[in-house]
Protein backbone atom coordinates (compact mmCIF):
# COMPACT_ATOMS: atom_id res chain seq x y z
CA MET A 1 136.39 -117.16 -211.14
CA SER A 2 139.70 -119.24 -212.09
CA ASN A 3 140.42 -122.93 -212.49
CA HIS A 4 143.24 -124.89 -210.73
CA LYS A 5 144.74 -127.57 -213.00
CA ASN A 6 147.19 -130.68 -212.18
CA ARG A 7 150.48 -131.24 -213.89
CA ARG A 8 148.47 -133.00 -216.73
CA GLY A 9 146.30 -130.09 -217.38
CA LYS A 10 143.02 -131.61 -215.94
CA VAL A 11 140.81 -129.18 -214.23
CA LEU A 12 140.34 -130.05 -210.60
CA LEU A 13 138.67 -127.03 -208.92
CA LYS A 14 136.74 -123.96 -209.65
CA VAL A 15 137.55 -121.06 -207.38
CA MET A 16 135.28 -118.15 -207.00
CA THR A 17 136.85 -114.96 -206.06
CA TRP A 18 134.51 -112.49 -203.83
CA HIS A 19 134.47 -108.85 -203.76
CA ILE A 20 132.53 -108.09 -200.61
CA GLU A 21 131.83 -104.26 -200.04
CA PRO A 22 129.43 -102.82 -197.23
CA SER A 23 126.04 -101.76 -198.14
CA GLU A 24 125.48 -98.11 -199.09
CA TRP A 25 123.69 -97.01 -195.73
CA LEU A 26 126.32 -98.75 -193.80
CA THR A 27 129.30 -96.49 -195.58
CA LYS A 28 127.22 -93.58 -194.32
CA LEU A 29 127.33 -94.37 -190.63
CA PRO A 30 129.93 -92.68 -188.41
CA LYS A 31 131.76 -95.17 -186.10
CA TYR A 32 129.56 -95.94 -183.05
CA PRO A 33 130.98 -93.55 -180.47
CA PHE A 34 131.66 -96.05 -177.83
CA VAL A 35 134.04 -98.28 -180.02
CA SER A 36 136.98 -96.27 -179.94
CA LEU A 37 136.56 -95.30 -176.29
CA ARG A 38 136.63 -98.98 -175.43
CA GLU A 39 139.81 -99.36 -177.31
CA LYS A 40 141.65 -96.50 -175.48
CA LYS A 41 140.25 -97.93 -172.06
CA LYS A 42 141.71 -101.18 -172.75
CA ALA A 43 145.01 -99.73 -173.51
CA LEU A 44 145.18 -98.01 -170.09
CA LYS A 45 143.87 -101.22 -168.37
CA ALA A 46 146.53 -103.20 -169.92
CA LYS A 47 149.05 -100.96 -168.32
CA GLY A 48 147.37 -101.64 -164.85
CA VAL A 49 146.03 -98.36 -164.73
CA LYS A 50 142.59 -97.98 -162.96
CA VAL A 51 140.06 -96.29 -165.20
CA ILE A 52 136.95 -94.45 -164.03
CA ASP A 53 134.38 -94.65 -166.71
CA PHE A 54 131.68 -91.83 -167.09
CA SER A 55 131.40 -92.86 -170.85
CA ILE A 56 128.77 -95.26 -171.50
CA GLY A 57 125.29 -94.90 -169.97
CA ASP A 58 125.17 -98.46 -168.38
CA PRO A 59 124.29 -98.81 -165.14
CA THR A 60 126.82 -100.69 -162.71
CA SER A 61 124.46 -101.45 -159.93
CA PRO A 62 122.89 -104.94 -160.14
CA THR A 63 119.44 -105.78 -161.15
CA PRO A 64 117.40 -106.04 -157.89
CA ASP A 65 116.97 -109.63 -156.49
CA PHE A 66 113.24 -109.72 -156.64
CA ILE A 67 113.34 -109.30 -160.47
CA ILE A 68 115.98 -112.10 -160.87
CA LYS A 69 113.52 -114.10 -158.62
CA ALA A 70 110.66 -113.41 -160.84
CA ALA A 71 112.74 -114.16 -163.78
CA GLU A 72 113.33 -117.56 -162.32
CA LYS A 73 109.46 -118.07 -161.66
CA GLY A 74 108.98 -116.94 -165.22
CA MET A 75 111.24 -119.71 -166.63
CA GLU A 76 109.20 -122.33 -164.59
CA LEU A 77 105.92 -120.77 -165.85
CA ASN A 78 107.13 -120.96 -169.46
CA ARG A 79 109.08 -124.55 -169.75
CA THR A 80 106.77 -125.24 -172.72
CA SER A 81 105.71 -122.10 -174.22
CA GLY A 82 107.70 -122.16 -177.22
CA TYR A 83 108.47 -119.25 -179.24
CA PRO A 84 106.74 -115.84 -177.63
CA GLU A 85 104.18 -114.03 -179.26
CA ASN A 86 105.46 -110.89 -181.09
CA SER A 87 102.35 -109.16 -179.78
CA GLY A 88 103.72 -109.84 -176.14
CA LEU A 89 102.99 -111.54 -172.88
CA LYS A 90 99.64 -110.47 -171.50
CA LEU A 91 100.85 -110.04 -167.95
CA PHE A 92 103.56 -107.69 -168.98
CA LYS A 93 101.00 -105.68 -171.28
CA GLN A 94 98.67 -105.14 -168.50
CA ASN A 95 101.32 -104.08 -166.09
CA ILE A 96 102.60 -101.65 -168.75
CA ALA A 97 98.96 -100.11 -168.83
CA LYS A 98 98.87 -99.97 -165.00
CA TRP A 99 102.20 -98.40 -164.68
CA PHE A 100 101.44 -95.82 -167.28
CA GLU A 101 98.07 -94.68 -165.86
CA THR A 102 99.66 -94.35 -162.24
CA ARG A 103 102.74 -92.72 -163.34
CA PHE A 104 101.31 -90.61 -166.13
CA ASN A 105 97.48 -90.57 -165.51
CA VAL A 106 97.23 -91.84 -169.28
CA ARG A 107 94.99 -94.75 -169.98
CA LEU A 108 96.03 -97.56 -172.62
CA ASP A 109 94.23 -100.52 -174.06
CA PRO A 110 96.84 -103.42 -173.38
CA ASP A 111 95.97 -105.24 -176.65
CA SER A 112 96.03 -102.37 -179.09
CA GLU A 113 98.16 -99.39 -177.60
CA ILE A 114 100.95 -101.63 -176.28
CA PHE A 115 103.93 -103.32 -177.73
CA PRO A 116 106.73 -105.06 -175.98
CA SER A 117 110.34 -104.60 -177.58
CA LEU A 118 113.82 -106.13 -177.24
CA GLY A 119 114.97 -103.28 -175.53
CA ALA A 120 114.59 -99.80 -176.72
CA LYS A 121 117.67 -99.49 -178.99
CA GLU A 122 116.42 -102.30 -181.48
CA ALA A 123 112.99 -100.75 -181.66
CA VAL A 124 114.15 -97.29 -182.17
CA PHE A 125 116.49 -98.58 -184.77
CA ALA A 126 113.66 -100.74 -186.76
CA PHE A 127 110.75 -98.30 -186.58
CA PRO A 128 111.67 -96.06 -189.43
CA GLY A 129 111.19 -99.25 -191.77
CA ALA A 130 107.53 -99.70 -190.94
CA ILE A 131 106.53 -96.15 -191.91
CA LYS A 132 106.10 -94.73 -195.41
CA GLY A 133 107.83 -91.28 -196.03
CA LYS A 134 111.01 -89.69 -197.48
CA TYR A 135 112.58 -87.75 -194.42
CA ILE A 136 113.07 -88.45 -190.55
CA ILE A 137 113.59 -85.23 -188.63
CA ILE A 138 116.28 -86.18 -186.13
CA PRO A 139 117.81 -84.15 -183.07
CA SER A 140 121.49 -83.64 -182.81
CA PRO A 141 123.07 -84.35 -180.24
CA GLY A 142 121.01 -87.50 -179.76
CA TYR A 143 120.85 -91.38 -179.47
CA PRO A 144 122.95 -92.86 -182.69
CA PRO A 145 120.16 -95.35 -183.58
CA TYR A 146 117.81 -92.45 -184.78
CA TYR A 147 120.14 -91.65 -187.61
CA GLY A 148 121.34 -95.28 -188.04
CA GLY A 149 117.78 -96.37 -188.33
CA ALA A 150 116.72 -93.87 -190.61
CA LEU A 151 119.33 -94.65 -193.03
CA ALA A 152 118.70 -98.43 -193.03
CA ALA A 153 115.19 -97.82 -193.64
CA GLY A 154 116.23 -95.91 -196.91
CA LYS A 155 115.04 -92.63 -195.31
CA LEU A 156 116.85 -89.28 -195.37
CA PRO A 157 117.85 -87.94 -192.15
CA TRP A 158 117.07 -84.29 -191.47
CA ILE A 159 119.20 -82.95 -188.78
CA VAL A 160 117.86 -80.16 -186.16
CA PRO A 161 120.62 -78.96 -183.87
CA LEU A 162 119.99 -78.71 -180.25
CA LYS A 163 121.51 -75.27 -179.18
CA GLU A 164 122.28 -73.99 -175.70
CA GLU A 165 120.49 -70.94 -176.45
CA ASN A 166 117.29 -72.61 -177.11
CA ASN A 167 117.37 -74.65 -173.93
CA PHE A 168 118.37 -77.66 -176.19
CA LEU A 169 114.73 -77.76 -177.75
CA PRO A 170 114.49 -78.18 -181.58
CA ASP A 171 113.44 -75.05 -183.51
CA LEU A 172 110.51 -76.29 -185.55
CA SER A 173 110.22 -73.10 -187.54
CA SER A 174 113.81 -73.86 -188.85
CA ILE A 175 112.49 -77.03 -190.77
CA PRO A 176 111.86 -76.16 -194.35
CA GLU A 177 108.56 -76.80 -195.75
CA GLU A 178 109.69 -79.22 -198.17
CA ILE A 179 110.90 -81.27 -195.63
CA ALA A 180 108.10 -81.07 -193.39
CA GLN A 181 105.56 -82.07 -196.24
CA ASN A 182 107.78 -84.94 -196.84
CA ALA A 183 108.74 -86.40 -193.37
CA ALA A 184 107.57 -89.69 -191.94
CA ILE A 185 108.71 -89.26 -188.34
CA MET A 186 110.02 -86.57 -185.98
CA TRP A 187 112.21 -87.90 -182.95
CA LEU A 188 112.08 -86.38 -179.54
CA ASN A 189 114.00 -87.34 -176.46
CA TYR A 190 113.00 -85.72 -173.11
CA PRO A 191 114.63 -85.80 -170.59
CA ASN A 192 117.09 -85.49 -173.17
CA ASN A 193 120.36 -87.54 -173.82
CA PRO A 194 123.01 -86.03 -173.65
CA THR A 195 121.96 -82.60 -172.74
CA THR A 196 119.74 -83.47 -169.65
CA VAL A 197 117.04 -81.10 -170.12
CA LEU A 198 113.11 -81.58 -169.86
CA ALA A 199 110.74 -80.30 -172.47
CA PRO A 200 107.93 -77.83 -171.15
CA ASP A 201 104.51 -78.12 -171.82
CA ILE A 202 104.48 -75.51 -174.25
CA PHE A 203 107.07 -77.29 -176.50
CA TYR A 204 104.94 -80.55 -176.59
CA LYS A 205 101.97 -78.64 -177.82
CA LYS A 206 103.66 -76.85 -180.44
CA ALA A 207 105.50 -80.11 -181.56
CA VAL A 208 102.06 -82.02 -181.88
CA GLU A 209 100.51 -78.86 -183.69
CA PHE A 210 103.35 -79.12 -185.99
CA CYS A 211 103.21 -82.88 -186.89
CA GLY A 212 99.52 -82.86 -187.02
CA LYS A 213 99.76 -79.94 -189.59
CA TYR A 214 102.11 -82.14 -191.70
CA GLY A 215 100.73 -85.67 -191.03
CA ILE A 216 104.15 -86.45 -189.29
CA ILE A 217 104.46 -89.22 -186.70
CA LEU A 218 105.77 -88.06 -183.42
CA ALA A 219 108.30 -90.51 -181.96
CA SER A 220 109.21 -89.91 -178.48
CA ASP A 221 112.00 -91.57 -176.76
CA GLU A 222 111.40 -91.69 -172.96
CA CYS A 223 113.73 -94.00 -171.47
CA TYR A 224 114.95 -91.67 -169.02
CA SER A 225 111.49 -90.68 -167.75
CA GLU A 226 112.12 -92.17 -164.37
CA MET A 227 115.56 -90.73 -164.06
CA TYR A 228 114.78 -87.19 -162.73
CA SER A 229 116.01 -85.02 -159.76
CA LYS A 230 113.15 -82.75 -159.01
CA GLU A 231 110.47 -82.19 -161.59
CA LYS A 232 108.73 -85.30 -162.88
CA PRO A 233 108.93 -85.56 -166.68
CA LYS A 234 105.62 -85.81 -168.64
CA SER A 235 105.12 -88.23 -171.65
CA LEU A 236 103.90 -87.20 -175.07
CA LEU A 237 100.86 -89.28 -174.55
CA ASN A 238 99.85 -86.68 -171.90
CA PHE A 239 99.29 -84.29 -174.71
CA THR A 240 98.14 -86.62 -177.59
CA LYS A 241 97.98 -90.40 -178.96
CA LYS A 242 96.94 -89.51 -182.35
CA GLY A 243 100.08 -89.89 -184.62
CA ALA A 244 102.03 -90.39 -181.65
CA ILE A 245 104.34 -93.33 -180.28
CA VAL A 246 106.58 -93.42 -177.29
CA PHE A 247 109.41 -95.78 -176.54
CA GLN A 248 110.24 -96.99 -173.07
CA SER A 249 112.86 -99.39 -171.37
CA LEU A 250 113.45 -101.33 -168.41
CA SER A 251 117.20 -100.87 -168.76
CA LYS A 252 117.67 -97.71 -166.72
CA ARG A 253 114.69 -97.52 -164.72
CA SER A 254 115.19 -101.37 -163.38
CA ASN A 255 119.16 -101.77 -164.06
CA MET A 256 118.12 -104.08 -166.68
CA THR A 257 120.42 -103.17 -169.51
CA GLY A 258 121.49 -106.83 -170.20
CA TRP A 259 117.82 -108.09 -169.95
CA ARG A 260 116.98 -106.62 -173.54
CA VAL A 261 113.35 -105.39 -172.68
CA GLY A 262 111.20 -102.47 -173.31
CA PHE A 263 108.02 -101.27 -175.15
CA MET A 264 106.26 -99.03 -177.37
CA ALA A 265 102.85 -97.35 -176.50
CA GLY A 266 100.61 -95.02 -178.46
CA ASP A 267 98.35 -94.76 -181.54
CA PRO A 268 97.16 -98.27 -182.15
CA ASP A 269 97.59 -97.85 -185.96
CA ILE A 270 101.06 -97.31 -185.55
CA ILE A 271 101.53 -100.25 -183.14
CA GLN A 272 99.77 -102.51 -185.56
CA LEU A 273 102.32 -101.36 -188.44
CA PHE A 274 105.26 -101.92 -186.25
CA LEU A 275 103.79 -105.46 -185.24
CA LEU A 276 103.59 -106.28 -188.95
CA CYS A 277 107.23 -105.35 -189.55
CA LYS A 278 108.58 -107.12 -186.29
CA GLU A 279 106.78 -110.34 -187.17
CA ASN A 280 109.17 -110.65 -190.01
CA MET A 281 112.18 -109.79 -187.92
CA ASP A 282 112.23 -111.82 -184.74
CA SER A 283 110.33 -113.85 -182.45
CA GLY A 284 109.76 -111.36 -179.73
CA CYS A 285 111.15 -111.07 -176.12
CA ALA A 286 111.19 -114.36 -174.13
CA ASN A 287 108.44 -114.87 -171.88
CA PHE A 288 110.47 -115.19 -168.76
CA ILE A 289 112.08 -111.92 -169.33
CA GLN A 290 108.90 -110.33 -169.85
CA TYR A 291 107.22 -111.77 -166.72
CA ALA A 292 110.41 -110.37 -164.80
CA ALA A 293 109.98 -106.82 -166.38
CA ALA A 294 106.01 -107.10 -165.67
CA LYS A 295 107.21 -107.64 -161.84
CA ALA A 296 109.58 -104.77 -162.12
CA LEU A 297 106.85 -102.28 -163.19
CA GLU A 298 104.88 -103.50 -159.78
CA ASP A 299 107.58 -101.99 -157.80
CA GLU A 300 108.80 -98.34 -157.22
CA GLU A 301 110.79 -98.69 -154.26
CA HIS A 302 113.94 -99.89 -156.20
CA VAL A 303 113.49 -96.77 -158.61
CA GLN A 304 113.45 -94.42 -155.89
CA LYS A 305 116.51 -95.79 -154.34
CA MET A 306 118.17 -95.62 -157.69
CA ARG A 307 117.24 -92.01 -157.99
CA LYS A 308 118.70 -91.20 -154.62
CA GLU A 309 122.24 -92.72 -155.71
CA TYR A 310 122.38 -90.71 -158.72
CA ALA A 311 121.44 -87.76 -156.97
CA VAL A 312 124.49 -88.18 -154.45
CA LYS A 313 126.80 -88.91 -157.55
CA ARG A 314 125.41 -85.88 -159.31
CA LYS A 315 125.85 -83.58 -156.50
CA ILE A 316 129.70 -84.94 -155.97
CA LEU A 317 130.43 -84.22 -159.57
CA ASN A 318 128.62 -80.78 -159.98
CA GLU A 319 130.42 -79.37 -157.15
CA ALA A 320 133.86 -80.61 -158.27
CA LEU A 321 133.06 -79.19 -161.90
CA GLU A 322 131.94 -75.86 -160.32
CA LYS A 323 135.00 -75.74 -157.93
CA SER A 324 137.30 -76.28 -160.84
CA GLY A 325 135.88 -73.25 -162.64
CA MET A 326 134.28 -74.94 -165.37
CA PRO A 327 131.78 -73.08 -167.57
CA ASN A 328 127.83 -74.05 -167.56
CA ARG A 329 126.60 -77.60 -166.95
CA TYR A 330 123.19 -79.29 -167.16
CA SER A 331 122.17 -82.13 -165.16
CA ASP A 332 118.12 -81.76 -164.85
CA GLY A 333 117.20 -85.21 -165.70
CA THR A 334 118.59 -88.43 -166.81
CA PHE A 335 121.83 -89.86 -165.09
CA TYR A 336 124.20 -87.55 -167.52
CA ILE A 337 125.95 -84.28 -166.93
CA TRP A 338 126.14 -82.26 -169.98
CA GLN A 339 129.21 -80.20 -169.37
CA LYS A 340 130.58 -77.23 -171.25
CA ILE A 341 134.52 -77.36 -171.69
CA PRO A 342 136.96 -74.60 -171.12
CA GLN A 343 137.59 -72.24 -173.87
CA GLY A 344 140.34 -72.98 -176.15
CA LEU A 345 139.96 -76.82 -176.39
CA SER A 346 137.86 -78.99 -178.28
CA SER A 347 135.79 -81.53 -176.83
CA GLU A 348 137.99 -84.38 -178.24
CA LYS A 349 141.14 -82.73 -176.57
CA PHE A 350 139.48 -82.32 -173.40
CA ALA A 351 138.26 -86.09 -173.19
CA GLU A 352 141.73 -87.08 -174.35
CA TYR A 353 143.33 -84.83 -171.63
CA LEU A 354 141.16 -86.40 -168.84
CA LEU A 355 142.09 -89.88 -170.38
CA GLN A 356 145.78 -89.37 -169.97
CA GLU A 357 147.26 -91.67 -167.33
CA GLU A 358 147.47 -89.28 -164.67
CA TYR A 359 143.72 -89.14 -164.36
CA ALA A 360 142.36 -91.93 -166.38
CA ILE A 361 138.83 -90.45 -166.60
CA VAL A 362 136.60 -91.36 -169.42
CA VAL A 363 133.93 -89.11 -170.78
CA THR A 364 132.27 -89.01 -174.11
CA PRO A 365 132.96 -85.89 -176.43
CA GLY A 366 130.07 -84.02 -177.56
CA PRO A 367 130.39 -84.56 -181.40
CA ALA A 368 130.70 -88.35 -180.89
CA LEU A 369 126.91 -88.04 -179.86
CA SER A 370 126.16 -85.57 -182.78
CA ILE A 371 125.42 -85.73 -186.43
CA PRO A 372 126.61 -82.50 -188.22
CA CYS A 373 124.16 -80.26 -190.10
CA GLU A 374 124.21 -79.48 -193.54
CA ASN A 375 126.68 -76.49 -193.07
CA GLY A 376 128.99 -78.75 -191.22
CA TYR A 377 128.08 -77.30 -187.82
CA ASN A 378 128.42 -79.84 -185.20
CA PRO A 379 125.97 -79.07 -182.24
CA GLY A 380 127.90 -81.49 -179.81
CA GLU A 381 131.14 -79.52 -180.01
CA GLY A 382 132.17 -77.48 -176.90
CA PHE A 383 130.62 -80.23 -174.55
CA VAL A 384 131.19 -83.59 -172.78
CA ARG A 385 128.79 -86.04 -171.20
CA PHE A 386 129.41 -87.56 -168.00
CA ALA A 387 127.35 -90.74 -167.13
CA LEU A 388 126.86 -90.82 -163.57
CA VAL A 389 127.49 -94.92 -163.61
CA PRO A 390 130.62 -95.33 -161.46
CA THR A 391 130.31 -96.13 -157.78
CA GLU A 392 130.02 -93.42 -155.37
CA GLU A 393 133.56 -93.89 -154.33
CA ASP A 394 134.96 -93.86 -157.55
CA THR A 395 132.98 -90.77 -158.38
CA ARG A 396 134.54 -89.02 -155.23
CA GLU A 397 138.08 -89.88 -156.52
CA ALA A 398 137.33 -88.92 -159.88
CA ALA A 399 135.90 -85.54 -158.64
CA GLU A 400 139.17 -84.74 -157.04
CA LYS A 401 140.98 -85.65 -160.15
CA ILE A 402 138.98 -83.32 -162.19
CA ILE A 403 139.83 -80.54 -160.03
CA LYS A 404 143.44 -80.96 -160.32
CA ALA A 405 143.15 -81.68 -164.02
CA VAL A 406 141.31 -78.35 -164.85
CA SER A 407 143.65 -76.55 -162.55
CA ASN A 408 146.64 -77.95 -164.79
CA ILE A 409 144.75 -76.81 -167.77
CA LYS A 410 144.83 -73.27 -166.78
CA LYS A 411 148.46 -73.05 -165.78
């Protein structure tokens, strides 16, 4: 603190000098992967270059009209409703229960086993703060908020690599006894982002048995459950409710990314803990948005249409990648393609190569979606992720450019 004086020496003002530093957990966070990609895209667009962006999983198709009309009705119905209740709108919870029973043949109590959220991202990030324990077991590659949420809650992340030779399933036997005994949560995500694979029944059974042995909460991110090509994915709740919680979102299913609405379902004791946490964090999702989401869950036609659109784009891009002579690729579920890159290049170098002005194709390097393990091994290295969100026309254009680009690499 310093004093300012006038010419006569009289003190006029005291000025405090602040030394502002980031919190400890914030310093440990890697840069969110899409920030640097966004900067590079802006630079190309500033030059007038057309960019075809496969990097971020944000659907470009509009939210269906019937959902927008439902939101308008929801506004009328909730003109004087005030703050929403954290526990959620009754209609939304009832429709979640109906949808879950129809889709997964799992019955849920709308009042005790369902909790609406502000999309899946904030729920995933906030969830570790509600649960006691030292470690959070996290798959890598995976969704960045698994890691960030663990750090923000004061937990220690334990990274389990998803390896190609293990069909991108975590090797539960690799988790040390000391970690398992002190873990609060283990994250699963199938269909998997970014590897796209589905988990077989035998794996779910092993995961339930493992977590039951150590009293670990099994948290399953199922936001891509409706984005399948052939096989319908199951839910963790098909195998257990006890000690289990699943996270769902309307973002991908109904092209509602900007609406920020989703839900959690599972063990009522876990739901209750998270409700206590959320009551101190926010006032819940707006009632008119929950009303619109409830109506979205009543309709499957728009979801089937969406799956067909992604199937067309998946076929176009897969055929181009195969024609170009690229190595293994994975596109079992989600709207991603997890592509192995040509030998001799790093993931980042390959992504930069596609991003040069001649091609202007944006993909996400695998390491940007991965947290390195204790030995420094990054399980995302050697891959890039394509998100099938550009239009069909742009996907066809990109397919031709990819064939040309890979051909030029080999020269």
